[in-house]
N, C-alpha and C. Protein backbone atom coordinates (compact mmCIF):
# COMPACT_ATOMS: atom_id res chain seq x y z
N MET A 1 3.68 -7.76 -4.30
CA MET A 1 4.84 -7.06 -3.78
C MET A 1 6.07 -7.56 -4.54
N ARG A 2 7.03 -6.69 -4.67
CA ARG A 2 8.22 -7.05 -5.44
C ARG A 2 9.04 -8.12 -4.73
N ARG A 3 9.42 -9.11 -5.48
CA ARG A 3 10.20 -10.22 -4.95
C ARG A 3 11.55 -9.75 -4.43
N GLU A 4 12.14 -8.78 -5.13
CA GLU A 4 13.48 -8.31 -4.79
C GLU A 4 13.53 -7.59 -3.45
N ASP A 5 12.40 -7.15 -2.97
CA ASP A 5 12.38 -6.39 -1.72
C ASP A 5 12.18 -7.33 -0.54
N SER A 6 13.30 -7.76 0.03
CA SER A 6 13.20 -8.69 1.15
C SER A 6 12.63 -8.02 2.39
N ASN A 7 12.83 -6.71 2.51
CA ASN A 7 12.27 -5.98 3.64
C ASN A 7 11.11 -5.14 3.13
N LYS A 8 9.94 -5.75 3.09
CA LYS A 8 8.76 -5.09 2.54
C LYS A 8 8.37 -3.84 3.32
N GLU A 9 8.55 -3.87 4.65
CA GLU A 9 8.21 -2.71 5.47
C GLU A 9 9.09 -1.52 5.09
N LYS A 10 10.37 -1.76 4.89
CA LYS A 10 11.30 -0.69 4.52
C LYS A 10 10.93 -0.12 3.15
N CYS A 11 10.60 -0.98 2.22
CA CYS A 11 10.20 -0.56 0.88
C CYS A 11 8.94 0.30 0.93
N LEU A 12 7.93 -0.16 1.66
CA LEU A 12 6.67 0.59 1.76
C LEU A 12 6.87 1.93 2.48
N SER A 13 7.75 1.96 3.45
CA SER A 13 8.05 3.19 4.16
C SER A 13 8.68 4.21 3.20
N ALA A 14 9.59 3.75 2.35
CA ALA A 14 10.23 4.63 1.37
C ALA A 14 9.20 5.15 0.36
N ILE A 15 8.29 4.30 -0.07
CA ILE A 15 7.23 4.73 -0.99
C ILE A 15 6.37 5.79 -0.33
N TYR A 16 6.02 5.57 0.93
CA TYR A 16 5.19 6.52 1.66
C TYR A 16 5.87 7.90 1.73
N LYS A 17 7.17 7.90 1.95
CA LYS A 17 7.90 9.16 2.08
C LYS A 17 7.90 9.97 0.79
N VAL A 18 8.00 9.30 -0.36
CA VAL A 18 8.12 10.04 -1.62
C VAL A 18 6.78 10.30 -2.31
N LEU A 19 5.74 9.60 -1.91
CA LEU A 19 4.43 9.77 -2.52
C LEU A 19 3.79 11.06 -2.01
N LYS A 20 3.23 11.84 -2.92
CA LYS A 20 2.61 13.11 -2.51
C LYS A 20 1.38 12.83 -1.63
N PRO A 21 0.98 13.79 -0.81
CA PRO A 21 -0.22 13.61 0.01
C PRO A 21 -1.41 13.25 -0.87
N SER A 22 -2.18 12.32 -0.45
CA SER A 22 -3.33 11.74 -1.14
C SER A 22 -2.94 10.96 -2.38
N GLY A 23 -1.64 10.67 -2.55
CA GLY A 23 -1.17 9.86 -3.67
C GLY A 23 -1.66 8.42 -3.55
N LEU A 24 -1.70 7.73 -4.68
CA LEU A 24 -2.26 6.38 -4.74
C LEU A 24 -1.16 5.33 -4.93
N LEU A 25 -1.20 4.30 -4.10
CA LEU A 25 -0.34 3.13 -4.24
C LEU A 25 -1.22 1.99 -4.72
N SER A 26 -0.83 1.35 -5.82
CA SER A 26 -1.61 0.26 -6.39
C SER A 26 -0.74 -0.99 -6.42
N ILE A 27 -1.23 -2.07 -5.83
CA ILE A 27 -0.49 -3.33 -5.76
C ILE A 27 -1.32 -4.42 -6.43
N THR A 28 -0.69 -5.13 -7.38
CA THR A 28 -1.36 -6.22 -8.09
C THR A 28 -0.69 -7.54 -7.75
N GLU A 29 -1.49 -8.53 -7.43
CA GLU A 29 -1.02 -9.90 -7.19
C GLU A 29 -1.74 -10.82 -8.15
N GLN A 30 -0.97 -11.78 -8.71
CA GLN A 30 -1.54 -12.70 -9.70
C GLN A 30 -1.15 -14.13 -9.42
N PRO A 31 -1.97 -15.07 -9.89
CA PRO A 31 -1.66 -16.49 -9.70
C PRO A 31 -0.33 -16.85 -10.37
N GLY A 32 0.35 -17.77 -9.77
CA GLY A 32 1.62 -18.23 -10.32
C GLY A 32 2.82 -17.45 -9.83
N ASP A 33 2.59 -16.34 -9.19
CA ASP A 33 3.68 -15.53 -8.64
C ASP A 33 4.25 -16.28 -7.43
N PRO A 34 5.53 -16.63 -7.46
CA PRO A 34 6.09 -17.38 -6.32
C PRO A 34 6.10 -16.59 -5.02
N ASP A 35 5.96 -15.28 -5.11
CA ASP A 35 5.95 -14.44 -3.92
C ASP A 35 4.57 -13.85 -3.65
N PHE A 36 3.54 -14.52 -4.13
CA PHE A 36 2.16 -14.06 -3.96
C PHE A 36 1.85 -13.84 -2.49
N LEU A 37 1.17 -12.72 -2.22
CA LEU A 37 0.70 -12.44 -0.86
C LEU A 37 -0.81 -12.27 -0.89
N PRO A 38 -1.52 -12.94 0.02
CA PRO A 38 -2.97 -12.76 0.10
C PRO A 38 -3.30 -11.32 0.50
N LEU A 39 -4.48 -10.87 0.11
CA LEU A 39 -4.90 -9.50 0.40
C LEU A 39 -4.79 -9.13 1.88
N PRO A 40 -5.23 -9.97 2.82
CA PRO A 40 -5.11 -9.56 4.23
C PRO A 40 -3.66 -9.26 4.65
N VAL A 41 -2.72 -10.00 4.10
CA VAL A 41 -1.30 -9.77 4.42
C VAL A 41 -0.85 -8.44 3.81
N VAL A 42 -1.20 -8.19 2.55
CA VAL A 42 -0.84 -6.94 1.89
C VAL A 42 -1.45 -5.76 2.64
N ARG A 43 -2.72 -5.86 2.98
CA ARG A 43 -3.39 -4.76 3.71
C ARG A 43 -2.67 -4.47 5.02
N SER A 44 -2.33 -5.50 5.75
CA SER A 44 -1.66 -5.32 7.03
C SER A 44 -0.31 -4.61 6.85
N LEU A 45 0.49 -5.07 5.90
CA LEU A 45 1.80 -4.46 5.64
C LEU A 45 1.67 -3.00 5.24
N VAL A 46 0.75 -2.72 4.33
CA VAL A 46 0.60 -1.38 3.78
C VAL A 46 -0.03 -0.43 4.79
N GLU A 47 -1.05 -0.86 5.50
CA GLU A 47 -1.73 0.01 6.46
C GLU A 47 -0.83 0.35 7.65
N LYS A 48 0.10 -0.54 8.00
CA LYS A 48 1.05 -0.25 9.08
C LYS A 48 1.95 0.93 8.74
N GLN A 49 2.10 1.21 7.44
CA GLN A 49 2.95 2.32 7.01
C GLN A 49 2.18 3.63 6.90
N GLY A 50 0.87 3.62 7.17
CA GLY A 50 0.08 4.83 7.17
C GLY A 50 -0.84 5.00 5.98
N PHE A 51 -0.85 4.04 5.08
CA PHE A 51 -1.75 4.11 3.93
C PHE A 51 -3.16 3.69 4.35
N GLU A 52 -4.15 4.20 3.62
CA GLU A 52 -5.54 3.83 3.85
C GLU A 52 -6.04 3.00 2.68
N PHE A 53 -6.70 1.88 2.97
CA PHE A 53 -7.27 1.04 1.92
C PHE A 53 -8.38 1.80 1.22
N VAL A 54 -8.38 1.75 -0.13
CA VAL A 54 -9.39 2.45 -0.92
C VAL A 54 -10.34 1.48 -1.60
N GLU A 55 -9.79 0.54 -2.38
CA GLU A 55 -10.64 -0.37 -3.14
C GLU A 55 -9.84 -1.56 -3.64
N ILE A 56 -10.57 -2.56 -4.10
CA ILE A 56 -9.95 -3.75 -4.68
C ILE A 56 -10.68 -4.12 -5.96
N TYR A 57 -9.92 -4.56 -6.93
CA TYR A 57 -10.46 -5.09 -8.17
C TYR A 57 -10.00 -6.54 -8.28
N GLY A 58 -10.90 -7.42 -8.65
CA GLY A 58 -10.55 -8.83 -8.75
C GLY A 58 -10.90 -9.57 -7.48
N LYS A 59 -10.45 -10.83 -7.42
CA LYS A 59 -10.77 -11.68 -6.27
C LYS A 59 -9.60 -12.59 -5.93
N LYS A 60 -9.54 -12.99 -4.71
CA LYS A 60 -8.62 -13.97 -4.15
C LYS A 60 -7.20 -13.88 -4.70
N LYS A 61 -6.86 -14.71 -5.70
CA LYS A 61 -5.47 -14.79 -6.15
C LYS A 61 -5.16 -13.93 -7.37
N ASN A 62 -6.08 -13.10 -7.79
CA ASN A 62 -5.85 -12.22 -8.92
C ASN A 62 -6.52 -10.89 -8.61
N TYR A 63 -5.77 -9.99 -8.00
CA TYR A 63 -6.39 -8.75 -7.55
C TYR A 63 -5.44 -7.56 -7.68
N THR A 64 -6.03 -6.38 -7.71
CA THR A 64 -5.30 -5.13 -7.59
C THR A 64 -5.93 -4.38 -6.42
N ALA A 65 -5.10 -4.02 -5.47
CA ALA A 65 -5.57 -3.28 -4.29
C ALA A 65 -4.99 -1.87 -4.34
N ASN A 66 -5.84 -0.88 -4.11
CA ASN A 66 -5.42 0.51 -4.11
C ASN A 66 -5.44 1.07 -2.70
N PHE A 67 -4.40 1.82 -2.38
CA PHE A 67 -4.25 2.45 -1.07
C PHE A 67 -3.89 3.91 -1.28
N ARG A 68 -4.36 4.78 -0.40
CA ARG A 68 -4.09 6.21 -0.51
C ARG A 68 -3.24 6.65 0.67
N LYS A 69 -2.27 7.52 0.36
CA LYS A 69 -1.47 8.11 1.42
C LYS A 69 -2.36 9.08 2.18
N SER A 70 -2.35 8.98 3.47
CA SER A 70 -3.17 9.85 4.31
C SER A 70 -2.77 11.30 4.13
N VAL A 71 -3.76 12.16 4.16
CA VAL A 71 -3.51 13.59 4.12
C VAL A 71 -3.52 14.07 5.56
N GLN A 72 -2.41 14.61 5.99
CA GLN A 72 -2.32 15.10 7.36
C GLN A 72 -2.64 16.58 7.39
N ILE A 73 -3.57 16.94 8.22
CA ILE A 73 -3.99 18.34 8.36
C ILE A 73 -3.16 18.98 9.46
N SER A 74 -2.58 20.07 9.15
CA SER A 74 -1.73 20.77 10.12
C SER A 74 -2.58 21.36 11.25
N ALA A 75 -2.07 21.23 12.45
CA ALA A 75 -2.76 21.79 13.62
C ALA A 75 -2.31 23.23 13.86
N ASP A 76 -1.46 23.74 12.99
CA ASP A 76 -0.92 25.08 13.15
C ASP A 76 -1.74 26.15 12.44
N ILE A 77 -2.98 25.87 12.15
CA ILE A 77 -3.82 26.84 11.44
C ILE A 77 -4.29 27.90 12.44
N ASN A 78 -4.03 29.13 12.09
CA ASN A 78 -4.45 30.26 12.94
C ASN A 78 -5.64 30.96 12.31
N TYR A 79 -6.68 31.13 13.07
CA TYR A 79 -7.89 31.81 12.56
C TYR A 79 -7.95 33.20 13.07
């Protein structure tokens, strides 16, 4: 997560708003980053904003996690 974003929830909410339906958010964390966040923390922050976890590449302190914006199906469909 970006160090400059002190309010991570607000940042993720803004990303969610502008990302197209089913769009992909990819977050990479690497060793030595002073603002490193473990995957469980990242997942919690991101999923609270409505994203769905898709996959992870790497392990522990060197990973890229992908999340997808949920596709909301309209209940206004008339048959």
